mmCIF file of all heavy atoms, coordinates in Angstrom:
data_MODEL
# 
_entry.id   MODEL 
# 
loop_
_atom_site.group_PDB 
_atom_site.id 
_atom_site.type_symbol 
_atom_site.label_atom_id 
_atom_site.label_alt_id 
_atom_site.label_comp_id 
_atom_site.label_asym_id 
_atom_site.label_entity_id 
_atom_site.label_seq_id 
_atom_site.pdbx_PDB_ins_code 
_atom_site.Cartn_x 
_atom_site.Cartn_y 
_atom_site.Cartn_z 
_atom_site.occupancy 
_atom_site.B_iso_or_equiv 
_atom_site.pdbx_formal_charge 
_atom_site.auth_seq_id 
_atom_site.auth_comp_id 
_atom_site.auth_asym_id 
_atom_site.auth_atom_id 
_atom_site.pdbx_PDB_model_num 
ATOM 1   N N   . ILE A 1 1  ? 0.810   -1.209 -0.082  1.00 0.00 ? 1  ILE A N   1 
ATOM 2   C CA  . ILE A 1 1  ? 0.020   0.004  0.036   1.00 0.00 ? 1  ILE A CA  1 
ATOM 3   C C   . ILE A 1 1  ? 0.850   1.282  -0.006  1.00 0.00 ? 1  ILE A C   1 
ATOM 4   O O   . ILE A 1 1  ? 0.400   2.341  -0.475  1.00 0.00 ? 1  ILE A O   1 
ATOM 5   C CB  . ILE A 1 1  ? -0.954  0.049  1.172   1.00 0.00 ? 1  ILE A CB  1 
ATOM 6   C CG1 . ILE A 1 1  ? -2.097  1.113  1.018   1.00 0.00 ? 1  ILE A CG1 1 
ATOM 7   C CG2 . ILE A 1 1  ? -0.251  0.137  2.512   1.00 0.00 ? 1  ILE A CG2 1 
ATOM 8   C CD1 . ILE A 1 1  ? -3.222  1.040  1.955   1.00 0.00 ? 1  ILE A CD1 1 
ATOM 9   N N   . SER A 1 2  ? 2.048   1.163  0.440   1.00 0.00 ? 2  SER A N   1 
ATOM 10  C CA  . SER A 1 2  ? 2.984   2.308  0.340   1.00 0.00 ? 2  SER A CA  1 
ATOM 11  C C   . SER A 1 2  ? 3.220   2.835  -0.958  1.00 0.00 ? 2  SER A C   1 
ATOM 12  O O   . SER A 1 2  ? 3.673   4.016  -1.108  1.00 0.00 ? 2  SER A O   1 
ATOM 13  C CB  . SER A 1 2  ? 4.305   2.064  1.120   1.00 0.00 ? 2  SER A CB  1 
ATOM 14  O OG  . SER A 1 2  ? 4.990   0.952  0.438   1.00 0.00 ? 2  SER A OG  1 
ATOM 15  N N   . ALA A 1 3  ? 2.928   2.028  -1.999  1.00 0.00 ? 3  ALA A N   1 
ATOM 16  C CA  . ALA A 1 3  ? 3.159   2.467  -3.407  1.00 0.00 ? 3  ALA A CA  1 
ATOM 17  C C   . ALA A 1 3  ? 1.954   3.046  -3.976  1.00 0.00 ? 3  ALA A C   1 
ATOM 18  O O   . ALA A 1 3  ? 1.986   3.287  -5.215  1.00 0.00 ? 3  ALA A O   1 
ATOM 19  C CB  . ALA A 1 3  ? 3.670   1.227  -4.180  1.00 0.00 ? 3  ALA A CB  1 
ATOM 20  N N   . ILE A 1 4  ? 0.872   3.308  -3.243  1.00 0.00 ? 4  ILE A N   1 
ATOM 21  C CA  . ILE A 1 4  ? -0.359  3.767  -3.808  1.00 0.00 ? 4  ILE A CA  1 
ATOM 22  C C   . ILE A 1 4  ? -0.305  5.111  -4.445  1.00 0.00 ? 4  ILE A C   1 
ATOM 23  O O   . ILE A 1 4  ? -0.926  5.371  -5.519  1.00 0.00 ? 4  ILE A O   1 
ATOM 24  C CB  . ILE A 1 4  ? -1.523  3.833  -2.758  1.00 0.00 ? 4  ILE A CB  1 
ATOM 25  C CG1 . ILE A 1 4  ? -2.858  4.119  -3.308  1.00 0.00 ? 4  ILE A CG1 1 
ATOM 26  C CG2 . ILE A 1 4  ? -1.158  4.821  -1.564  1.00 0.00 ? 4  ILE A CG2 1 
ATOM 27  C CD1 . ILE A 1 4  ? -3.937  4.026  -2.324  1.00 0.00 ? 4  ILE A CD1 1 
ATOM 28  N N   . ARG A 1 5  ? 0.680   5.972  -3.917  1.00 0.00 ? 5  ARG A N   1 
ATOM 29  C CA  . ARG A 1 5  ? 0.735   7.249  -4.545  1.00 0.00 ? 5  ARG A CA  1 
ATOM 30  C C   . ARG A 1 5  ? 1.339   7.157  -5.969  1.00 0.00 ? 5  ARG A C   1 
ATOM 31  O O   . ARG A 1 5  ? 0.816   7.997  -6.839  1.00 0.00 ? 5  ARG A O   1 
ATOM 32  C CB  . ARG A 1 5  ? 1.767   8.214  -3.740  1.00 0.00 ? 5  ARG A CB  1 
ATOM 33  C CG  . ARG A 1 5  ? 1.125   8.730  -2.467  1.00 0.00 ? 5  ARG A CG  1 
ATOM 34  C CD  . ARG A 1 5  ? 2.010   9.795  -1.727  1.00 0.00 ? 5  ARG A CD  1 
ATOM 35  N NE  . ARG A 1 5  ? 1.326   10.514 -0.815  1.00 0.00 ? 5  ARG A NE  1 
ATOM 36  C CZ  . ARG A 1 5  ? 1.620   11.753 -0.438  1.00 0.00 ? 5  ARG A CZ  1 
ATOM 37  N NH1 . ARG A 1 5  ? 2.552   12.452 -1.112  1.00 0.00 ? 5  ARG A NH1 1 
ATOM 38  N NH2 . ARG A 1 5  ? 0.991   12.396 0.466   1.00 0.00 ? 5  ARG A NH2 1 
ATOM 39  N N   . ARG A 1 6  ? 2.162   6.295  -6.226  1.00 0.00 ? 6  ARG A N   1 
ATOM 40  C CA  . ARG A 1 6  ? 2.768   6.140  -7.477  1.00 0.00 ? 6  ARG A CA  1 
ATOM 41  C C   . ARG A 1 6  ? 1.633   5.622  -8.487  1.00 0.00 ? 6  ARG A C   1 
ATOM 42  O O   . ARG A 1 6  ? 1.462   6.030  -9.572  1.00 0.00 ? 6  ARG A O   1 
ATOM 43  C CB  . ARG A 1 6  ? 3.863   5.150  -7.518  1.00 0.00 ? 6  ARG A CB  1 
ATOM 44  C CG  . ARG A 1 6  ? 4.519   4.968  -8.866  1.00 0.00 ? 6  ARG A CG  1 
ATOM 45  C CD  . ARG A 1 6  ? 5.848   4.169  -8.835  1.00 0.00 ? 6  ARG A CD  1 
ATOM 46  N NE  . ARG A 1 6  ? 5.487   2.767  -8.491  1.00 0.00 ? 6  ARG A NE  1 
ATOM 47  C CZ  . ARG A 1 6  ? 5.954   2.123  -7.437  1.00 0.00 ? 6  ARG A CZ  1 
ATOM 48  N NH1 . ARG A 1 6  ? 6.673   2.797  -6.584  1.00 0.00 ? 6  ARG A NH1 1 
ATOM 49  N NH2 . ARG A 1 6  ? 5.690   0.879  -7.233  1.00 0.00 ? 6  ARG A NH2 1 
ATOM 50  N N   . THR A 1 7  ? 0.796   4.675  -7.972  1.00 0.00 ? 7  THR A N   1 
ATOM 51  C CA  . THR A 1 7  ? -0.383  4.177  -8.874  1.00 0.00 ? 7  THR A CA  1 
ATOM 52  C C   . THR A 1 7  ? -1.319  5.255  -9.132  1.00 0.00 ? 7  THR A C   1 
ATOM 53  O O   . THR A 1 7  ? -1.744  5.484  -10.354 1.00 0.00 ? 7  THR A O   1 
ATOM 54  C CB  . THR A 1 7  ? -1.029  3.033  -8.083  1.00 0.00 ? 7  THR A CB  1 
ATOM 55  O OG1 . THR A 1 7  ? -0.068  1.946  -7.837  1.00 0.00 ? 7  THR A OG1 1 
ATOM 56  C CG2 . THR A 1 7  ? -2.175  2.423  -8.997  1.00 0.00 ? 7  THR A CG2 1 
ATOM 57  N N   . VAL A 1 8  ? -1.733  5.993  -8.214  1.00 0.00 ? 8  VAL A N   1 
ATOM 58  C CA  . VAL A 1 8  ? -2.675  7.029  -8.348  1.00 0.00 ? 8  VAL A CA  1 
ATOM 59  C C   . VAL A 1 8  ? -2.100  8.145  -9.246  1.00 0.00 ? 8  VAL A C   1 
ATOM 60  O O   . VAL A 1 8  ? -2.877  8.693  -10.209 1.00 0.00 ? 8  VAL A O   1 
ATOM 61  C CB  . VAL A 1 8  ? -3.018  7.694  -7.039  1.00 0.00 ? 8  VAL A CB  1 
ATOM 62  C CG1 . VAL A 1 8  ? -3.845  9.008  -7.217  1.00 0.00 ? 8  VAL A CG1 1 
ATOM 63  C CG2 . VAL A 1 8  ? -3.850  6.701  -6.156  1.00 0.00 ? 8  VAL A CG2 1 
ATOM 64  N N   . CYS A 1 9  ? -0.816  8.471  -9.144  1.00 0.00 ? 9  CYS A N   1 
ATOM 65  C CA  . CYS A 1 9  ? -0.199  9.537  -10.038 1.00 0.00 ? 9  CYS A CA  1 
ATOM 66  C C   . CYS A 1 9  ? -0.212  9.000  -11.485 1.00 0.00 ? 9  CYS A C   1 
ATOM 67  O O   . CYS A 1 9  ? -0.498  9.782  -12.397 1.00 0.00 ? 9  CYS A O   1 
ATOM 68  C CB  . CYS A 1 9  ? 1.216   9.734  -9.554  1.00 0.00 ? 9  CYS A CB  1 
ATOM 69  S SG  . CYS A 1 9  ? 1.948   11.024 -10.406 1.00 0.00 ? 9  CYS A SG  1 
ATOM 70  N N   . THR A 1 10 ? 0.011   7.772  -11.645 1.00 0.00 ? 10 THR A N   1 
ATOM 71  C CA  . THR A 1 10 ? 0.019   7.162  -13.037 1.00 0.00 ? 10 THR A CA  1 
ATOM 72  C C   . THR A 1 10 ? -1.305  7.135  -13.708 1.00 0.00 ? 10 THR A C   1 
ATOM 73  O O   . THR A 1 10 ? -1.476  7.528  -14.778 1.00 0.00 ? 10 THR A O   1 
ATOM 74  C CB  . THR A 1 10 ? 0.565   5.630  -13.034 1.00 0.00 ? 10 THR A CB  1 
ATOM 75  O OG1 . THR A 1 10 ? 1.881   5.690  -12.526 1.00 0.00 ? 10 THR A OG1 1 
ATOM 76  C CG2 . THR A 1 10 ? 0.506   5.110  -14.281 1.00 0.00 ? 10 THR A CG2 1 
ATOM 77  N N   . ILE A 1 11 ? -2.298  6.887  -12.840 1.00 0.00 ? 11 ILE A N   1 
ATOM 78  C CA  . ILE A 1 11 ? -3.720  6.932  -13.390 1.00 0.00 ? 11 ILE A CA  1 
ATOM 79  C C   . ILE A 1 11 ? -4.174  8.289  -13.785 1.00 0.00 ? 11 ILE A C   1 
ATOM 80  O O   . ILE A 1 11 ? -4.684  8.471  -14.893 1.00 0.00 ? 11 ILE A O   1 
ATOM 81  C CB  . ILE A 1 11 ? -4.726  6.447  -12.270 1.00 0.00 ? 11 ILE A CB  1 
ATOM 82  C CG1 . ILE A 1 11 ? -4.486  4.974  -11.934 1.00 0.00 ? 11 ILE A CG1 1 
ATOM 83  C CG2 . ILE A 1 11 ? -6.146  6.675  -12.729 1.00 0.00 ? 11 ILE A CG2 1 
ATOM 84  C CD1 . ILE A 1 11 ? -5.220  4.498  -10.640 1.00 0.00 ? 11 ILE A CD1 1 
ATOM 85  N N   . TRP A 1 12 ? -3.772  9.291  -13.027 1.00 0.00 ? 12 TRP A N   1 
ATOM 86  C CA  . TRP A 1 12 ? -4.193  10.652 -13.298 1.00 0.00 ? 12 TRP A CA  1 
ATOM 87  C C   . TRP A 1 12 ? -3.387  11.354 -14.356 1.00 0.00 ? 12 TRP A C   1 
ATOM 88  O O   . TRP A 1 12 ? -3.990  12.119 -15.093 1.00 0.00 ? 12 TRP A O   1 
ATOM 89  C CB  . TRP A 1 12 ? -4.260  11.547 -12.019 1.00 0.00 ? 12 TRP A CB  1 
ATOM 90  C CG  . TRP A 1 12 ? -5.446  11.247 -11.223 1.00 0.00 ? 12 TRP A CG  1 
ATOM 91  C CD1 . TRP A 1 12 ? -5.498  10.346 -10.148 1.00 0.00 ? 12 TRP A CD1 1 
ATOM 92  C CD2 . TRP A 1 12 ? -6.604  11.797 -11.245 1.00 0.00 ? 12 TRP A CD2 1 
ATOM 93  N NE1 . TRP A 1 12 ? -6.660  10.358 -9.547  1.00 0.00 ? 12 TRP A NE1 1 
ATOM 94  C CE2 . TRP A 1 12 ? -7.530  11.184 -10.209 1.00 0.00 ? 12 TRP A CE2 1 
ATOM 95  C CE3 . TRP A 1 12 ? -7.286  12.821 -12.062 1.00 0.00 ? 12 TRP A CE3 1 
ATOM 96  C CZ2 . TRP A 1 12 ? -8.860  11.611 -10.120 1.00 0.00 ? 12 TRP A CZ2 1 
ATOM 97  C CZ3 . TRP A 1 12 ? -8.590  13.195 -11.828 1.00 0.00 ? 12 TRP A CZ3 1 
ATOM 98  C CH2 . TRP A 1 12 ? -9.340  12.514 -10.853 1.00 0.00 ? 12 TRP A CH2 1 
ATOM 99  N N   . THR A 1 13 ? -2.099  11.034 -14.372 1.00 0.00 ? 13 THR A N   1 
ATOM 100 C CA  . THR A 1 13 ? -1.203  11.720 -15.368 1.00 0.00 ? 13 THR A CA  1 
ATOM 101 C C   . THR A 1 13 ? -0.928  10.968 -16.700 1.00 0.00 ? 13 THR A C   1 
ATOM 102 O O   . THR A 1 13 ? -0.621  11.570 -17.686 1.00 0.00 ? 13 THR A O   1 
ATOM 103 C CB  . THR A 1 13 ? 0.236   11.968 -14.751 1.00 0.00 ? 13 THR A CB  1 
ATOM 104 O OG1 . THR A 1 13 ? 0.770   10.718 -14.445 1.00 0.00 ? 13 THR A OG1 1 
ATOM 105 C CG2 . THR A 1 13 ? 0.019   12.860 -13.456 1.00 0.00 ? 13 THR A CG2 1 
ATOM 106 N N   . LYS A 1 14 ? -1.266  9.699  -16.733 1.00 0.00 ? 14 LYS A N   1 
ATOM 107 C CA  . LYS A 1 14 ? -1.004  8.923  -17.928 1.00 0.00 ? 14 LYS A CA  1 
ATOM 108 C C   . LYS A 1 14 ? -2.326  8.273  -18.468 1.00 0.00 ? 14 LYS A C   1 
ATOM 109 O O   . LYS A 1 14 ? -2.724  8.544  -19.457 1.00 0.00 ? 14 LYS A O   1 
ATOM 110 C CB  . LYS A 1 14 ? 0.114   7.842  -17.676 1.00 0.00 ? 14 LYS A CB  1 
ATOM 111 C CG  . LYS A 1 14 ? 0.380   7.077  -18.978 1.00 0.00 ? 14 LYS A CG  1 
ATOM 112 C CD  . LYS A 1 14 ? 1.588   6.220  -18.817 1.00 0.00 ? 14 LYS A CD  1 
ATOM 113 C CE  . LYS A 1 14 ? 1.806   5.367  -20.066 1.00 0.00 ? 14 LYS A CE  1 
ATOM 114 N NZ  . LYS A 1 14 ? 1.947   6.095  -21.306 1.00 0.00 ? 14 LYS A NZ  1 
ATOM 115 N N   . TRP A 1 15 ? -2.889  7.415  -17.537 1.00 0.00 ? 15 TRP A N   1 
ATOM 116 C CA  . TRP A 1 15 ? -4.109  6.649  -18.073 1.00 0.00 ? 15 TRP A CA  1 
ATOM 117 C C   . TRP A 1 15 ? -5.238  7.574  -18.421 1.00 0.00 ? 15 TRP A C   1 
ATOM 118 O O   . TRP A 1 15 ? -5.813  7.509  -19.547 1.00 0.00 ? 15 TRP A O   1 
ATOM 119 C CB  . TRP A 1 15 ? -4.661  5.650  -17.070 1.00 0.00 ? 15 TRP A CB  1 
ATOM 120 C CG  . TRP A 1 15 ? -5.810  4.938  -17.555 1.00 0.00 ? 15 TRP A CG  1 
ATOM 121 C CD1 . TRP A 1 15 ? -5.769  3.810  -18.259 1.00 0.00 ? 15 TRP A CD1 1 
ATOM 122 C CD2 . TRP A 1 15 ? -7.193  5.322  -17.340 1.00 0.00 ? 15 TRP A CD2 1 
ATOM 123 N NE1 . TRP A 1 15 ? -7.161  3.527  -18.608 1.00 0.00 ? 15 TRP A NE1 1 
ATOM 124 C CE2 . TRP A 1 15 ? -8.007  4.396  -18.030 1.00 0.00 ? 15 TRP A CE2 1 
ATOM 125 C CE3 . TRP A 1 15 ? -7.783  6.388  -16.714 1.00 0.00 ? 15 TRP A CE3 1 
ATOM 126 C CZ2 . TRP A 1 15 ? -9.335  4.422  -18.024 1.00 0.00 ? 15 TRP A CZ2 1 
ATOM 127 C CZ3 . TRP A 1 15 ? -9.234  6.369  -16.640 1.00 0.00 ? 15 TRP A CZ3 1 
ATOM 128 C CH2 . TRP A 1 15 ? -9.923  5.502  -17.352 1.00 0.00 ? 15 TRP A CH2 1 
ATOM 129 N N   . LEU A 1 16 ? -5.624  8.533  -17.595 1.00 0.00 ? 16 LEU A N   1 
ATOM 130 C CA  . LEU A 1 16 ? -6.790  9.434  -17.839 1.00 0.00 ? 16 LEU A CA  1 
ATOM 131 C C   . LEU A 1 16 ? -6.555  10.297 -19.112 1.00 0.00 ? 16 LEU A C   1 
ATOM 132 O O   . LEU A 1 16 ? -7.426  10.281 -20.012 1.00 0.00 ? 16 LEU A O   1 
ATOM 133 C CB  . LEU A 1 16 ? -6.962  10.339 -16.630 1.00 0.00 ? 16 LEU A CB  1 
ATOM 134 C CG  . LEU A 1 16 ? -8.335  11.040 -16.632 1.00 0.00 ? 16 LEU A CG  1 
ATOM 135 C CD1 . LEU A 1 16 ? -9.475  10.127 -16.667 1.00 0.00 ? 16 LEU A CD1 1 
ATOM 136 C CD2 . LEU A 1 16 ? -8.528  12.000 -15.376 1.00 0.00 ? 16 LEU A CD2 1 
ATOM 137 N N   . PRO A 1 17 ? -5.454  11.010 -19.277 1.00 0.00 ? 17 PRO A N   1 
ATOM 138 C CA  . PRO A 1 17 ? -5.324  11.741 -20.484 1.00 0.00 ? 17 PRO A CA  1 
ATOM 139 C C   . PRO A 1 17 ? -5.295  10.949 -21.726 1.00 0.00 ? 17 PRO A C   1 
ATOM 140 O O   . PRO A 1 17 ? -5.772  11.294 -22.790 1.00 0.00 ? 17 PRO A O   1 
ATOM 141 C CB  . PRO A 1 17 ? -3.981  12.449 -20.378 1.00 0.00 ? 17 PRO A CB  1 
ATOM 142 C CG  . PRO A 1 17 ? -3.704  12.488 -18.908 1.00 0.00 ? 17 PRO A CG  1 
ATOM 143 C CD  . PRO A 1 17 ? -4.350  11.224 -18.331 1.00 0.00 ? 17 PRO A CD  1 
ATOM 144 N N   . ASP A 1 18 ? -4.726  9.703  -21.668 1.00 0.00 ? 18 ASP A N   1 
ATOM 145 C CA  . ASP A 1 18 ? -4.682  8.816  -22.876 1.00 0.00 ? 18 ASP A CA  1 
ATOM 146 C C   . ASP A 1 18 ? -5.951  8.050  -23.142 1.00 0.00 ? 18 ASP A C   1 
ATOM 147 O O   . ASP A 1 18 ? -6.134  7.576  -24.288 1.00 0.00 ? 18 ASP A O   1 
ATOM 148 C CB  . ASP A 1 18 ? -3.530  7.782  -22.681 1.00 0.00 ? 18 ASP A CB  1 
ATOM 149 C CG  . ASP A 1 18 ? -2.212  8.410  -22.616 1.00 0.00 ? 18 ASP A CG  1 
ATOM 150 O OD1 . ASP A 1 18 ? -2.070  9.569  -23.015 1.00 0.00 ? 18 ASP A OD1 1 
ATOM 151 O OD2 . ASP A 1 18 ? -1.205  7.716  -22.224 1.00 0.00 ? 18 ASP A OD2 1 
ATOM 152 N N   . SER A 1 19 ? -6.881  8.017  -22.137 1.00 0.00 ? 19 SER A N   1 
ATOM 153 C CA  . SER A 1 19 ? -8.003  7.216  -22.254 1.00 0.00 ? 19 SER A CA  1 
ATOM 154 C C   . SER A 1 19 ? -9.204  7.794  -23.058 1.00 0.00 ? 19 SER A C   1 
ATOM 155 O O   . SER A 1 19 ? -9.977  7.154  -23.650 1.00 0.00 ? 19 SER A O   1 
ATOM 156 C CB  . SER A 1 19 ? -8.611  6.806  -20.929 1.00 0.00 ? 19 SER A CB  1 
ATOM 157 O OG  . SER A 1 19 ? -9.171  7.912  -20.232 1.00 0.00 ? 19 SER A OG  1 
ATOM 158 N N   . GLY A 1 20 ? -9.145  9.221  -23.137 1.00 0.00 ? 20 GLY A N   1 
ATOM 159 C CA  . GLY A 1 20 ? -10.258 9.837  -23.819 1.00 0.00 ? 20 GLY A CA  1 
ATOM 160 C C   . GLY A 1 20 ? -11.418 10.159 -22.775 1.00 0.00 ? 20 GLY A C   1 
ATOM 161 O O   . GLY A 1 20 ? -12.347 10.846 -23.237 1.00 0.00 ? 20 GLY A O   1 
ATOM 162 N N   . HIS A 1 21 ? -11.297 9.627  -21.571 1.00 0.00 ? 21 HIS A N   1 
ATOM 163 C CA  . HIS A 1 21 ? -12.267 9.908  -20.501 1.00 0.00 ? 21 HIS A CA  1 
ATOM 164 C C   . HIS A 1 21 ? -11.994 11.274 -19.850 1.00 0.00 ? 21 HIS A C   1 
ATOM 165 O O   . HIS A 1 21 ? -10.818 11.764 -19.887 1.00 0.00 ? 21 HIS A O   1 
ATOM 166 C CB  . HIS A 1 21 ? -12.365 8.834  -19.505 1.00 0.00 ? 21 HIS A CB  1 
ATOM 167 C CG  . HIS A 1 21 ? -12.860 7.511  -20.047 1.00 0.00 ? 21 HIS A CG  1 
ATOM 168 N ND1 . HIS A 1 21 ? -14.207 7.342  -20.477 1.00 0.00 ? 21 HIS A ND1 1 
ATOM 169 C CD2 . HIS A 1 21 ? -12.285 6.372  -20.301 1.00 0.00 ? 21 HIS A CD2 1 
ATOM 170 C CE1 . HIS A 1 21 ? -14.392 6.054  -20.770 1.00 0.00 ? 21 HIS A CE1 1 
ATOM 171 N NE2 . HIS A 1 21 ? -13.247 5.516  -20.816 1.00 0.00 ? 21 HIS A NE2 1 
ATOM 172 N N   . GLU A 1 22 ? -12.992 11.783 -19.203 1.00 0.00 ? 22 GLU A N   1 
ATOM 173 C CA  . GLU A 1 22 ? -12.830 12.952 -18.386 1.00 0.00 ? 22 GLU A CA  1 
ATOM 174 C C   . GLU A 1 22 ? -13.270 12.738 -16.992 1.00 0.00 ? 22 GLU A C   1 
ATOM 175 O O   . GLU A 1 22 ? -14.286 12.060 -16.618 1.00 0.00 ? 22 GLU A O   1 
ATOM 176 C CB  . GLU A 1 22 ? -13.679 14.138 -19.014 1.00 0.00 ? 22 GLU A CB  1 
ATOM 177 C CG  . GLU A 1 22 ? -13.493 15.456 -18.351 1.00 0.00 ? 22 GLU A CG  1 
ATOM 178 C CD  . GLU A 1 22 ? -14.313 16.574 -19.096 1.00 0.00 ? 22 GLU A CD  1 
ATOM 179 O OE1 . GLU A 1 22 ? -14.890 16.343 -20.097 1.00 0.00 ? 22 GLU A OE1 1 
ATOM 180 O OE2 . GLU A 1 22 ? -14.337 17.705 -18.485 1.00 0.00 ? 22 GLU A OE2 1 
ATOM 181 N N   . ALA A 1 23 ? -12.454 13.216 -15.988 1.00 0.00 ? 23 ALA A N   1 
ATOM 182 C CA  . ALA A 1 23 ? -12.816 13.001 -14.575 1.00 0.00 ? 23 ALA A CA  1 
ATOM 183 C C   . ALA A 1 23 ? -14.008 13.663 -14.122 1.00 0.00 ? 23 ALA A C   1 
ATOM 184 O O   . ALA A 1 23 ? -14.323 14.742 -14.662 1.00 0.00 ? 23 ALA A O   1 
ATOM 185 C CB  . ALA A 1 23 ? -11.618 13.475 -13.710 1.00 0.00 ? 23 ALA A CB  1 
ATOM 186 N N   . ALA A 1 24 ? -14.862 13.146 -13.355 1.00 0.00 ? 24 ALA A N   1 
ATOM 187 C CA  . ALA A 1 24 ? -16.065 13.646 -12.912 1.00 0.00 ? 24 ALA A CA  1 
ATOM 188 C C   . ALA A 1 24 ? -15.820 14.275 -11.525 1.00 0.00 ? 24 ALA A C   1 
ATOM 189 O O   . ALA A 1 24 ? -15.019 13.960 -10.723 1.00 0.00 ? 24 ALA A O   1 
ATOM 190 C CB  . ALA A 1 24 ? -17.168 12.562 -12.844 1.00 0.00 ? 24 ALA A CB  1 
ATOM 191 N N   . ASP A 1 25 ? -16.635 15.329 -11.245 1.00 0.00 ? 25 ASP A N   1 
ATOM 192 C CA  . ASP A 1 25 ? -16.702 16.007 -9.925  1.00 0.00 ? 25 ASP A CA  1 
ATOM 193 C C   . ASP A 1 25 ? -17.426 15.125 -8.981  1.00 0.00 ? 25 ASP A C   1 
ATOM 194 O O   . ASP A 1 25 ? -18.604 15.483 -8.671  1.00 0.00 ? 25 ASP A O   1 
ATOM 195 C CB  . ASP A 1 25 ? -17.263 17.436 -10.116 1.00 0.00 ? 25 ASP A CB  1 
ATOM 196 C CG  . ASP A 1 25 ? -17.072 18.192 -8.785  1.00 0.00 ? 25 ASP A CG  1 
ATOM 197 O OD1 . ASP A 1 25 ? -16.264 17.717 -7.918  1.00 0.00 ? 25 ASP A OD1 1 
ATOM 198 O OD2 . ASP A 1 25 ? -17.709 19.251 -8.659  1.00 0.00 ? 25 ASP A OD2 1 
ATOM 199 N N   . ALA A 1 26 ? -16.857 14.096 -8.504  1.00 0.00 ? 26 ALA A N   1 
ATOM 200 C CA  . ALA A 1 26 ? -17.571 13.198 -7.612  1.00 0.00 ? 26 ALA A CA  1 
ATOM 201 C C   . ALA A 1 26 ? -16.563 12.429 -6.693  1.00 0.00 ? 26 ALA A C   1 
ATOM 202 O O   . ALA A 1 26 ? -15.373 12.460 -6.979  1.00 0.00 ? 26 ALA A O   1 
ATOM 203 C CB  . ALA A 1 26 ? -18.300 12.164 -8.359  1.00 0.00 ? 26 ALA A CB  1 
# 
């Protein structure tokens, strides 16, 4: 679990921009 920041950072900075999806305010 100590590596969670790295995973979250990858999701937001790489996966989300590349996916074509947009984050929701939720």
